[in-house]
Structures are given as structure tokens and as C-alpha cells.
């Protein structure tokens, strides 16, 4: 049983120092509040990061795995927590890592930065790595 993460503040779950270590500009933070998603996004040299809480659950995403809006969809786990990842870009350069937060899902979204011309980024590997940093800070059943 996963504890309800509907009060988790995805804007402060990583420290400025952690954001900087990930190659992001901590001062580039922008609030996100759209279509049931609440959180923040940051700009980095090589990628953009979005951390959001979604009123839609991982279970409801999994039920829609064949939605044509998704160019890929796969089940996975983050430190043992039920999860899935998906892409919506045709070239699959983006990746949204979902984590079970009980009544909500928690999202780590990684996409290449617009002007970045360096080595190709594995957005799903990066999103999973960041999700693994965040997961221990999420509420667990009995906490």
C-alpha cells in the first residue's frame, strides 16, 4: 500500500544544490499548474526537467497504455515502487517517468533542451535516475 502523496511539493523535493548537480539552472524554475498537473520545471544546458504531481494515477495511465498520444509506454519500478514511463514525441526524445503516489501519480519529465547539440541524452535513463533520487522522500504506507 502506497501512502497518499497528494500533498508532496514537487517544486521543493530536490534542493537547489541537487538541481545544479544535475546540470540545471536552479533559478530557471517556473511553476506548472495545468490539466491536473501541479509542479515546476527547470532549464538545463542539455535537458529540461519537469517535476509534477498529477491527479491521474499510475493505474489510470496503465489502463490507457495504447492511447495514440503515447509513442511508447512501458511498465517499470522506481526503488520497488510501481511505475511506468512513456514518451509523447514522435522521435521519442522525451520521457515521462510516472511513480505511484496513491491517489496521484508523481512525474519526472525529461526532454532535450532546444538548442542543445551535444551527445544524445537518454531521457528515460535520466528521468529514472532523478525519480530514484526523489522516491525515498515520498510518503510510504505507515509514515
Protein backbone atom coordinates (compact mmCIF):
# COMPACT_ATOMS: atom_id res chain seq x y z
CA UNK A 1 0.00 0.00 0.00
CA UNK A 2 1.45 3.35 -1.05
CA UNK A 3 0.74 6.39 1.10
CA UNK A 4 -1.15 9.31 -0.42
CA UNK A 5 1.38 11.71 -1.96
CA UNK A 6 -1.21 14.35 -2.91
CA UNK A 7 0.46 16.91 -0.63
CA UNK A 8 4.02 16.38 -1.92
CA UNK A 9 5.57 19.63 -3.20
CA UNK A 10 7.43 18.60 -6.34
CA UNK A 11 8.92 22.12 -6.59
CA UNK A 12 10.99 21.67 -3.43
CA UNK A 13 11.61 17.90 -3.41
CA UNK A 14 15.10 18.49 -4.90
CA UNK A 15 17.39 21.11 -3.39
CA UNK A 16 18.97 23.88 -5.44
CA UNK A 17 22.32 22.12 -4.95
CA UNK A 18 20.88 18.86 -6.34
CA UNK A 19 19.36 20.67 -9.32
CA UNK A 20 22.74 22.30 -10.02
CA UNK A 21 24.50 18.91 -9.77
CA UNK A 22 22.05 17.61 -12.39
CA UNK A 23 23.15 20.42 -14.72
CA UNK A 24 20.03 22.52 -14.27
CA UNK A 25 19.74 26.22 -13.55
CA UNK A 26 18.01 26.33 -10.13
CA UNK A 27 16.97 29.94 -10.85
CA UNK A 28 15.12 28.93 -14.05
CA UNK A 29 12.25 27.39 -12.03
CA UNK A 30 8.79 28.00 -13.47
CA UNK A 31 5.53 26.95 -11.81
CA UNK A 32 3.31 24.45 -13.63
CA UNK A 33 -0.41 24.25 -12.96
CA UNK A 34 -2.32 22.84 -15.92
CA UNK A 35 -4.71 19.96 -16.66
CA UNK A 36 -4.44 18.46 -13.20
CA UNK A 37 -0.64 18.77 -13.12
CA UNK A 38 0.98 20.83 -10.36
CA UNK A 39 4.74 21.30 -10.03
CA UNK A 40 7.73 23.06 -11.51
CA UNK A 41 10.09 22.89 -14.47
CA UNK A 42 13.73 23.86 -14.89
CA UNK A 43 16.05 24.57 -17.80
CA UNK A 44 19.46 22.97 -18.15
CA UNK A 45 22.19 23.11 -20.78
CA UNK A 46 21.38 19.66 -22.14
CA UNK A 47 17.83 18.96 -20.94
CA UNK A 48 14.63 20.35 -19.46
CA UNK A 49 13.24 18.85 -16.25
CA UNK A 50 9.64 18.85 -15.09
CA UNK A 51 8.62 17.55 -11.65
CA UNK A 52 4.87 17.35 -11.22
CA UNK A 53 2.08 15.81 -9.22
CA UNK A 54 -0.74 14.51 -11.43
CA UNK A 55 -4.33 13.92 -10.28
CA UNK A 56 -4.34 10.92 -12.64
CA UNK A 57 -2.96 7.72 -11.06
CA UNK A 58 -0.34 5.33 -12.47
CA UNK A 59 -3.13 2.71 -12.71
CA UNK A 60 -5.22 5.01 -14.92
CA UNK A 61 -2.19 5.72 -17.15
CA UNK A 62 -1.54 1.97 -17.45
CA UNK A 63 -5.17 1.46 -18.48
CA UNK A 64 -4.53 3.90 -21.37
CA UNK A 65 -1.18 2.42 -22.44
CA UNK A 66 -2.41 2.08 -26.06
CA UNK A 67 -3.51 5.72 -26.30
CA UNK A 68 -2.25 7.03 -29.68
CA UNK A 69 -0.91 10.13 -27.87
CA UNK A 70 1.86 7.90 -26.43
CA UNK A 71 4.68 6.96 -28.81
CA UNK A 72 5.98 4.48 -26.22
CA UNK A 73 4.74 3.08 -22.90
CA UNK A 74 6.42 0.58 -20.57
CA UNK A 75 5.87 -0.60 -17.01
CA UNK A 76 8.80 -0.32 -14.62
CA UNK A 77 9.56 0.28 -10.94
CA UNK A 78 11.42 3.01 -9.06
CA UNK A 79 13.18 1.59 -5.99
CA UNK A 80 10.42 -1.05 -5.84
CA UNK A 81 7.56 1.49 -6.22
CA UNK A 82 5.05 0.77 -9.02
CA UNK A 83 5.87 2.96 -12.00
CA UNK A 84 5.78 3.34 -15.78
CA UNK A 85 7.42 5.52 -18.38
CA UNK A 86 6.13 6.95 -21.61
CA UNK A 87 7.00 9.25 -24.49
CA UNK A 88 4.78 11.56 -26.49
CA UNK A 89 7.29 12.93 -29.04
CA UNK A 90 7.40 11.20 -32.42
CA UNK A 91 11.17 10.79 -32.12
CA UNK A 92 10.81 9.57 -28.51
CA UNK A 93 13.43 12.08 -27.35
CA UNK A 94 11.27 12.96 -24.34
CA UNK A 95 10.45 10.71 -21.40
CA UNK A 96 7.87 10.92 -18.64
CA UNK A 97 8.59 8.70 -15.64
CA UNK A 98 5.46 8.09 -13.53
CA UNK A 99 5.57 6.90 -9.91
CA UNK A 100 2.70 5.62 -7.79
CA UNK A 101 1.65 8.20 -5.22
CA UNK A 102 -1.59 6.57 -4.10
CA UNK A 103 -4.39 8.95 -5.14
CA UNK A 104 -1.97 10.76 -7.50
CA UNK A 105 0.98 9.96 -9.73
CA UNK A 106 4.30 11.73 -9.42
CA UNK A 107 6.02 12.69 -12.65
CA UNK A 108 9.62 13.24 -13.68
CA UNK A 109 9.70 14.56 -17.23
CA UNK A 110 12.95 14.92 -19.18
CA UNK A 111 13.28 16.39 -22.68
CA UNK A 112 16.31 17.60 -24.63
CA UNK A 113 16.94 21.34 -24.37
CA UNK A 114 16.01 23.15 -27.59
CA UNK A 115 19.46 24.43 -28.60
CA UNK A 116 21.47 21.50 -27.18
CA UNK A 117 23.74 19.92 -29.80
CA UNK A 118 25.91 17.67 -27.59
CA UNK A 119 25.72 13.89 -27.23
CA UNK A 120 22.19 12.45 -27.41
CA UNK A 121 20.58 12.19 -23.99
CA UNK A 122 18.79 9.01 -22.90
CA UNK A 123 15.78 10.86 -21.48
CA UNK A 124 14.27 7.75 -19.87
CA UNK A 125 17.52 6.78 -18.13
CA UNK A 126 17.87 10.38 -16.86
CA UNK A 127 14.22 10.52 -15.73
CA UNK A 128 14.59 7.18 -13.91
CA UNK A 129 17.81 8.33 -12.21
CA UNK A 130 16.08 11.52 -10.96
CA UNK A 131 12.99 9.53 -9.89
CA UNK A 132 15.29 7.23 -7.87
CA UNK A 133 16.66 10.34 -6.08
CA UNK A 134 13.14 11.56 -5.26
CA UNK A 135 11.42 8.27 -4.37
CA UNK A 136 12.92 7.86 -0.85
CA UNK A 137 11.50 11.30 0.05
CA UNK A 138 7.93 10.30 -0.83
CA UNK A 139 5.46 9.21 1.84
CA UNK A 140 5.25 5.45 2.43
CA UNK A 141 2.43 3.45 3.95
CA UNK A 142 2.55 3.79 7.70
CA UNK A 143 4.51 7.06 7.67
